[in-house]
Structures are given as structure tokens and as C-alpha cells.
Amino acid sequence: MDKDKKNIIINEIYHWKDNKLLPETYCDFLLALYTEGNQENHEQIEEKKKRKSLSLIDGILYSFTIILVVATLLFTNFTEITYLMQIVILTSLLFGSILVTAYFIRKSKSFQVPLSLTFIQLLISSISLSDYFVSGNDFVVGVIIIINCLIWVTAGLILRMIYLSISGILGIAIFILAIIL
């Protein structure tokens, strides 16, 4: 039998099986007959297709998170917009980054990069906002840095991400050394 005809019949049998038009054992028998025992499980084929499409979505979301962090840096350092507008934009960018991170955590995927970028974005945003509200008070900026580093350490311990805990501890240590020296 021609390969194209076999593929059409095999796809039709999968359709019957998925829509319960024939009992599953009949469909398995027909699939074994037409594929000569060399069939791949239909669920495995669907999973491969799904995995390929999700990897594209994941790549787009990773890129989106990086763009959000770069946009945060640009808005805090290189724009001449009012602080109120800057606060709204930074909050929106941070919220977008949190949503991407939540998506990866919910899907049980590799969420370490978006989470780390979100924490960096939180640090940049909080320092920028403190600069607006307290006009460069070094004590308040120091407290904000310490709070961010403690958030990193806590998240690292909860999520068992050693590099995040180490980053938080090093941030606190470097801050203390900067105060001493």
C-alpha cells in the first residue's frame, strides 16, 4: 500500500480512537496492523508537538523578561519623564516580569532566569523609587538594598536555589564592607 494512503488511514484511526468512535482495543489492533507494529504512541506524538510549540513560547517569554529588565534600566537612568510617570512605567514593567515568572513557576518549567531577572528588576525599581521619595537619603537606600538582599536569601532558601541565597548574602556583605570602608 502507498505510504500516503497508509498515513491517511492511520490518522483516521487516531481520530476514531480520540473521539471514541471505535473501542480502543480495535483501534490499537488496526494501528498495529497498518503500521506493521512500528507505531509510535499517539500521546507521544502529541506531546512532541506540544513540547516544540511550548519551547518557542518559552523562548519568547524569556526574551520578553530580558526586554523588561533593559526597559527598566532605560526608564530609570536615561529618560526625562516625570517621576510619577516613571513610577507607573516601572510598576507595569515589574508586574509584567512577575507574571512571566509566575507562568514558568506554574508550568513547572525552568523559572530560575525569569525569577533572577525579576529580583534584579525589583532592586532597580525600588532604588529608583526611594530616590524619588527620600531624595537620595543614604540610610533609606541602604535599608532597601538590605531588604532586597534578604528577599533574595529567603527566596533562595525556600526554593532551594543556592545561587540566589549566595547572591543575597554577598550583597549584604558587600554593603556592610562599603559602609565600613
C-alpha atoms as a PDB file:
ATOM      1  CA  MET A   1       0.000   0.000   0.000  1.00  0.00           C
ATOM      2  CA  ASP A   2       1.144   3.555  -0.763  1.00  0.00           C
ATOM      3  CA  LYS A   3       2.688   5.451   2.180  1.00  0.00           C
ATOM      4  CA  ASP A   4       0.361   8.431   1.795  1.00  0.00           C
ATOM      5  CA  LYS A   5      -2.701   6.182   1.897  1.00  0.00           C
ATOM      6  CA  LYS A   6      -1.355   4.447   4.998  1.00  0.00           C
ATOM      7  CA  ASN A   7      -0.794   7.780   6.731  1.00  0.00           C
ATOM      8  CA  ILE A   8      -4.334   8.876   5.904  1.00  0.00           C
ATOM      9  CA  ILE A   9      -5.750   5.630   7.308  1.00  0.00           C
ATOM     10  CA  ILE A  10      -3.533   5.829  10.413  1.00  0.00           C
ATOM     11  CA  ASN A  11      -4.593   9.419  11.073  1.00  0.00           C
ATOM     12  CA  GLU A  12      -8.224   8.405  10.630  1.00  0.00           C
ATOM     13  CA  ILE A  13      -7.801   5.566  13.146  1.00  0.00           C
ATOM     14  CA  TYR A  14      -6.253   8.027  15.624  1.00  0.00           C
ATOM     15  CA  HIS A  15      -9.269  10.257  15.055  1.00  0.00           C
ATOM     16  CA  TRP A  16     -11.602   7.344  15.783  1.00  0.00           C
ATOM     17  CA  LYS A  17      -9.625   6.491  18.896  1.00  0.00           C
ATOM     18  CA  ASP A  18      -9.567  10.086  20.204  1.00  0.00           C
ATOM     19  CA  ASN A  19     -13.289  10.582  19.617  1.00  0.00           C
ATOM     20  CA  LYS A  20     -14.239   7.115  20.901  1.00  0.00           C
ATOM     21  CA  LEU A  21     -15.895   6.131  17.620  1.00  0.00           C
ATOM     22  CA  LEU A  22     -14.465   2.620  17.973  1.00  0.00           C
ATOM     23  CA  PRO A  23     -13.330   0.785  21.088  1.00  0.00           C
ATOM     24  CA  GLU A  24      -9.710   1.450  21.984  1.00  0.00           C
ATOM     25  CA  THR A  25      -8.668  -2.177  21.551  1.00  0.00           C
ATOM     26  CA  TYR A  26      -9.990  -2.197  17.970  1.00  0.00           C
ATOM     27  CA  CYS A  27      -8.126   0.996  17.207  1.00  0.00           C
ATOM     28  CA  ASP A  28      -4.924  -0.413  18.713  1.00  0.00           C
ATOM     29  CA  PHE A  29      -5.320  -3.547  16.619  1.00  0.00           C
ATOM     30  CA  LEU A  30      -5.874  -1.536  13.429  1.00  0.00           C
ATOM     31  CA  LEU A  31      -2.922   0.716  14.213  1.00  0.00           C
ATOM     32  CA  ALA A  32      -0.679  -2.282  14.802  1.00  0.00           C
ATOM     33  CA  LEU A  33      -1.918  -3.768  11.537  1.00  0.00           C
ATOM     34  CA  TYR A  34      -1.393  -0.662   9.394  1.00  0.00           C
ATOM     35  CA  THR A  35       1.886   0.413  10.982  1.00  0.00           C
ATOM     36  CA  GLU A  36       3.158  -3.152  10.982  1.00  0.00           C
ATOM     37  CA  GLY A  37       3.870  -2.932  14.707  1.00  0.00           C
ATOM     38  CA  ASN A  38       6.115   0.121  14.346  1.00  0.00           C
ATOM     39  CA  GLN A  39       3.658   2.676  15.641  1.00  0.00           C
ATOM     40  CA  GLU A  40       4.580   5.447  17.993  1.00  0.00           C
ATOM     41  CA  ASN A  41       2.113   6.119  20.733  1.00  0.00           C
ATOM     42  CA  HIS A  42      -0.339   8.841  19.671  1.00  0.00           C
ATOM     43  CA  GLU A  43       0.107  10.589  23.030  1.00  0.00           C
ATOM     44  CA  GLN A  44       3.889  10.657  22.494  1.00  0.00           C
ATOM     45  CA  ILE A  45       3.431  12.276  19.078  1.00  0.00           C
ATOM     46  CA  GLU A  46       1.091  14.893  20.524  1.00  0.00           C
ATOM     47  CA  GLU A  47       3.497  15.516  23.414  1.00  0.00           C
ATOM     48  CA  LYS A  48       6.376  16.107  20.991  1.00  0.00           C
ATOM     49  CA  LYS A  49       4.301  18.621  19.039  1.00  0.00           C
ATOM     50  CA  LYS A  50       3.264  20.352  22.242  1.00  0.00           C
ATOM     51  CA  ARG A  51       6.847  20.456  23.543  1.00  0.00           C
ATOM     52  CA  LYS A  52       8.089  22.090  20.351  1.00  0.00           C
ATOM     53  CA  SER A  53       5.417  24.775  20.452  1.00  0.00           C
ATOM     54  CA  LEU A  54       5.984  25.434  24.148  1.00  0.00           C
ATOM     55  CA  SER A  55       9.701  25.817  23.667  1.00  0.00           C
ATOM     56  CA  LEU A  56       9.014  28.627  21.198  1.00  0.00           C
ATOM     57  CA  ILE A  57       6.658  30.293  23.690  1.00  0.00           C
ATOM     58  CA  ASP A  58       9.246  29.843  26.443  1.00  0.00           C
ATOM     59  CA  GLY A  59      11.925  31.480  24.313  1.00  0.00           C
ATOM     60  CA  ILE A  60       9.659  34.413  23.557  1.00  0.00           C
ATOM     61  CA  LEU A  61       8.817  34.831  27.257  1.00  0.00           C
ATOM     62  CA  TYR A  62      12.498  34.645  28.274  1.00  0.00           C
ATOM     63  CA  SER A  63      13.273  37.332  25.709  1.00  0.00           C
ATOM     64  CA  PHE A  64      10.340  39.390  26.960  1.00  0.00           C
ATOM     65  CA  THR A  65      11.704  39.252  30.518  1.00  0.00           C
ATOM     66  CA  ILE A  66      15.123  40.436  29.357  1.00  0.00           C
ATOM     67  CA  ILE A  67      13.479  43.272  27.423  1.00  0.00           C
ATOM     68  CA  LEU A  68      11.550  44.263  30.562  1.00  0.00           C
ATOM     69  CA  VAL A  69      14.762  44.487  32.598  1.00  0.00           C
ATOM     70  CA  VAL A  70      16.502  46.533  29.889  1.00  0.00           C
ATOM     71  CA  ALA A  71      13.454  48.816  29.672  1.00  0.00           C
ATOM     72  CA  THR A  72      13.587  49.258  33.451  1.00  0.00           C
ATOM     73  CA  LEU A  73      17.226  50.308  33.234  1.00  0.00           C
ATOM     74  CA  LEU A  74      16.460  52.707  30.411  1.00  0.00           C
ATOM     75  CA  PHE A  75      13.491  54.306  32.167  1.00  0.00           C
ATOM     76  CA  THR A  76      15.338  54.772  35.437  1.00  0.00           C
ATOM     77  CA  ASN A  77      18.559  56.188  34.001  1.00  0.00           C
ATOM     78  CA  PHE A  78      18.056  57.720  30.583  1.00  0.00           C
ATOM     79  CA  THR A  79      14.657  59.371  30.455  1.00  0.00           C
ATOM     80  CA  GLU A  80      13.477  62.830  31.348  1.00  0.00           C
ATOM     81  CA  ILE A  81       9.897  61.898  32.220  1.00  0.00           C
ATOM     82  CA  THR A  82       8.236  62.851  35.481  1.00  0.00           C
ATOM     83  CA  TYR A  83       8.703  60.640  38.499  1.00  0.00           C
ATOM     84  CA  LEU A  84       5.003  59.830  38.656  1.00  0.00           C
ATOM     85  CA  MET A  85       5.071  58.528  35.095  1.00  0.00           C
ATOM     86  CA  GLN A  86       8.308  56.699  35.878  1.00  0.00           C
ATOM     87  CA  ILE A  87       6.640  55.008  38.860  1.00  0.00           C
ATOM     88  CA  VAL A  88       3.708  53.880  36.722  1.00  0.00           C
ATOM     89  CA  ILE A  89       6.002  52.520  33.994  1.00  0.00           C
ATOM     90  CA  LEU A  90       8.347  50.760  36.445  1.00  0.00           C
ATOM     91  CA  THR A  91       5.401  49.195  38.262  1.00  0.00           C
ATOM     92  CA  SER A  92       3.946  47.970  34.966  1.00  0.00           C
ATOM     93  CA  LEU A  93       7.274  46.519  33.844  1.00  0.00           C
ATOM     94  CA  LEU A  94       7.795  44.813  37.195  1.00  0.00           C
ATOM     95  CA  PHE A  95       4.263  43.418  37.120  1.00  0.00           C
ATOM     96  CA  GLY A  96       4.886  42.012  33.623  1.00  0.00           C
ATOM     97  CA  SER A  97       8.074  40.360  34.813  1.00  0.00           C
ATOM     98  CA  ILE A  98       6.284  38.873  37.822  1.00  0.00           C
ATOM     99  CA  LEU A  99       3.582  37.462  35.514  1.00  0.00           C
ATOM    100  CA  VAL A 100       6.178  35.780  33.285  1.00  0.00           C
ATOM    101  CA  THR A 101       7.906  34.310  36.341  1.00  0.00           C
ATOM    102  CA  ALA A 102       4.576  33.084  37.718  1.00  0.00           C
ATOM    103  CA  TYR A 103       3.836  31.445  34.362  1.00  0.00           C
ATOM    104  CA  PHE A 104       7.104  29.494  34.469  1.00  0.00           C
ATOM    105  CA  ILE A 105       6.626  28.502  38.105  1.00  0.00           C
ATOM    106  CA  ARG A 106       3.046  27.383  37.427  1.00  0.00           C
ATOM    107  CA  LYS A 107       4.099  25.300  34.426  1.00  0.00           C
ATOM    108  CA  SER A 108       6.953  23.769  36.475  1.00  0.00           C
ATOM    109  CA  LYS A 109       9.472  24.861  33.917  1.00  0.00           C
ATOM    110  CA  SER A 110      12.898  26.401  34.252  1.00  0.00           C
ATOM    111  CA  PHE A 111      11.961  29.555  36.128  1.00  0.00           C
ATOM    112  CA  GLN A 112      15.390  30.478  37.509  1.00  0.00           C
ATOM    113  CA  VAL A 113      16.273  33.049  34.836  1.00  0.00           C
ATOM    114  CA  PRO A 114      12.946  34.947  34.934  1.00  0.00           C
ATOM    115  CA  LEU A 115      12.979  34.861  38.743  1.00  0.00           C
ATOM    116  CA  SER A 116      16.508  36.239  38.936  1.00  0.00           C
ATOM    117  CA  LEU A 117      15.720  38.942  36.394  1.00  0.00           C
ATOM    118  CA  THR A 118      12.575  39.851  38.321  1.00  0.00           C
ATOM    119  CA  PHE A 119      14.594  40.240  41.528  1.00  0.00           C
ATOM    120  CA  ILE A 120      17.140  42.430  39.739  1.00  0.00           C
ATOM    121  CA  GLN A 121      14.303  44.488  38.298  1.00  0.00           C
ATOM    122  CA  LEU A 122      12.766  44.805  41.776  1.00  0.00           C
ATOM    123  CA  LEU A 123      16.091  46.084  43.128  1.00  0.00           C
ATOM    124  CA  ILE A 124      16.469  48.662  40.354  1.00  0.00           C
ATOM    125  CA  SER A 125      12.869  49.829  40.691  1.00  0.00           C
ATOM    126  CA  SER A 126      12.931  50.081  44.473  1.00  0.00           C
ATOM    127  CA  ILE A 127      16.170  52.079  44.477  1.00  0.00           C
ATOM    128  CA  SER A 128      14.770  54.392  41.823  1.00  0.00           C
ATOM    129  CA  LEU A 129      11.553  54.907  43.764  1.00  0.00           C
ATOM    130  CA  SER A 130      13.408  55.531  47.014  1.00  0.00           C
ATOM    131  CA  ASP A 131      15.464  58.167  45.236  1.00  0.00           C
ATOM    132  CA  TYR A 132      12.232  59.942  44.339  1.00  0.00           C
ATOM    133  CA  PHE A 133      10.599  59.711  47.750  1.00  0.00           C
ATOM    134  CA  VAL A 134      13.563  60.449  50.024  1.00  0.00           C
ATOM    135  CA  SER A 135      15.815  62.388  47.630  1.00  0.00           C
ATOM    136  CA  GLY A 136      18.910  60.231  47.916  1.00  0.00           C
ATOM    137  CA  ASN A 137      18.932  59.560  51.666  1.00  0.00           C
ATOM    138  CA  ASP A 138      21.757  57.028  52.004  1.00  0.00           C
ATOM    139  CA  PHE A 139      20.238  55.330  55.033  1.00  0.00           C
ATOM    140  CA  VAL A 140      16.943  54.580  53.243  1.00  0.00           C
ATOM    141  CA  VAL A 141      18.765  53.350  50.130  1.00  0.00           C
ATOM    142  CA  GLY A 142      20.844  51.069  52.363  1.00  0.00           C
ATOM    143  CA  VAL A 143      17.744  49.685  54.051  1.00  0.00           C
ATOM    144  CA  ILE A 144      16.179  48.999  50.655  1.00  0.00           C
ATOM    145  CA  ILE A 145      19.295  47.169  49.472  1.00  0.00           C
ATOM    146  CA  ILE A 146      19.357  45.075  52.658  1.00  0.00           C
ATOM    147  CA  ILE A 147      15.623  44.273  52.306  1.00  0.00           C
ATOM    148  CA  ASN A 148      16.132  43.207  48.681  1.00  0.00           C
ATOM    149  CA  CYS A 149      19.098  41.018  49.645  1.00  0.00           C
ATOM    150  CA  LEU A 150      17.057  39.431  52.446  1.00  0.00           C
ATOM    151  CA  ILE A 151      14.280  38.710  49.950  1.00  0.00           C
ATOM    152  CA  TRP A 152      16.870  37.015  47.728  1.00  0.00           C
ATOM    153  CA  VAL A 153      18.198  34.916  50.630  1.00  0.00           C
ATOM    154  CA  THR A 154      14.675  33.936  51.734  1.00  0.00           C
ATOM    155  CA  ALA A 155      13.586  33.015  48.205  1.00  0.00           C
ATOM    156  CA  GLY A 156      16.806  31.055  47.738  1.00  0.00           C
ATOM    157  CA  LEU A 157      16.173  29.068  50.901  1.00  0.00           C
ATOM    158  CA  ILE A 158      12.502  28.442  50.140  1.00  0.00           C
ATOM    159  CA  LEU A 159      13.088  27.441  46.510  1.00  0.00           C
ATOM    160  CA  ARG A 160      16.390  25.689  47.281  1.00  0.00           C
ATOM    161  CA  MET A 161      18.290  27.872  44.845  1.00  0.00           C
ATOM    162  CA  ILE A 162      21.743  28.189  46.355  1.00  0.00           C
ATOM    163  CA  TYR A 163      22.960  30.842  43.918  1.00  0.00           C
ATOM    164  CA  LEU A 164      20.116  33.163  44.934  1.00  0.00           C
ATOM    165  CA  SER A 165      20.951  32.767  48.622  1.00  0.00           C
ATOM    166  CA  ILE A 166      24.632  33.335  47.925  1.00  0.00           C
ATOM    167  CA  SER A 167      23.809  36.450  45.886  1.00  0.00           C
ATOM    168  CA  GLY A 168      21.778  37.859  48.761  1.00  0.00           C
ATOM    169  CA  ILE A 169      24.461  37.090  51.333  1.00  0.00           C
ATOM    170  CA  LEU A 170      27.179  38.586  49.127  1.00  0.00           C
ATOM    171  CA  GLY A 171      25.036  41.673  48.558  1.00  0.00           C
ATOM    172  CA  ILE A 172      24.661  42.176  52.297  1.00  0.00           C
ATOM    173  CA  ALA A 173      28.385  41.530  52.882  1.00  0.00           C
ATOM    174  CA  ILE A 174      29.457  43.958  50.160  1.00  0.00           C
ATOM    175  CA  PHE A 175      27.060  46.576  51.500  1.00  0.00           C
ATOM    176  CA  ILE A 176      28.439  46.196  55.022  1.00  0.00           C
ATOM    177  CA  LEU A 177      32.019  46.401  53.697  1.00  0.00           C
ATOM    178  CA  ALA A 178      31.112  49.566  51.775  1.00  0.00           C
ATOM    179  CA  ILE A 179      29.791  51.114  54.981  1.00  0.00           C
ATOM    180  CA  ILE A 180      32.870  50.133  56.980  1.00  0.00           C
ATOM    181  CA  LEU A 181      35.357  51.307  54.387  1.00  0.00           C
END
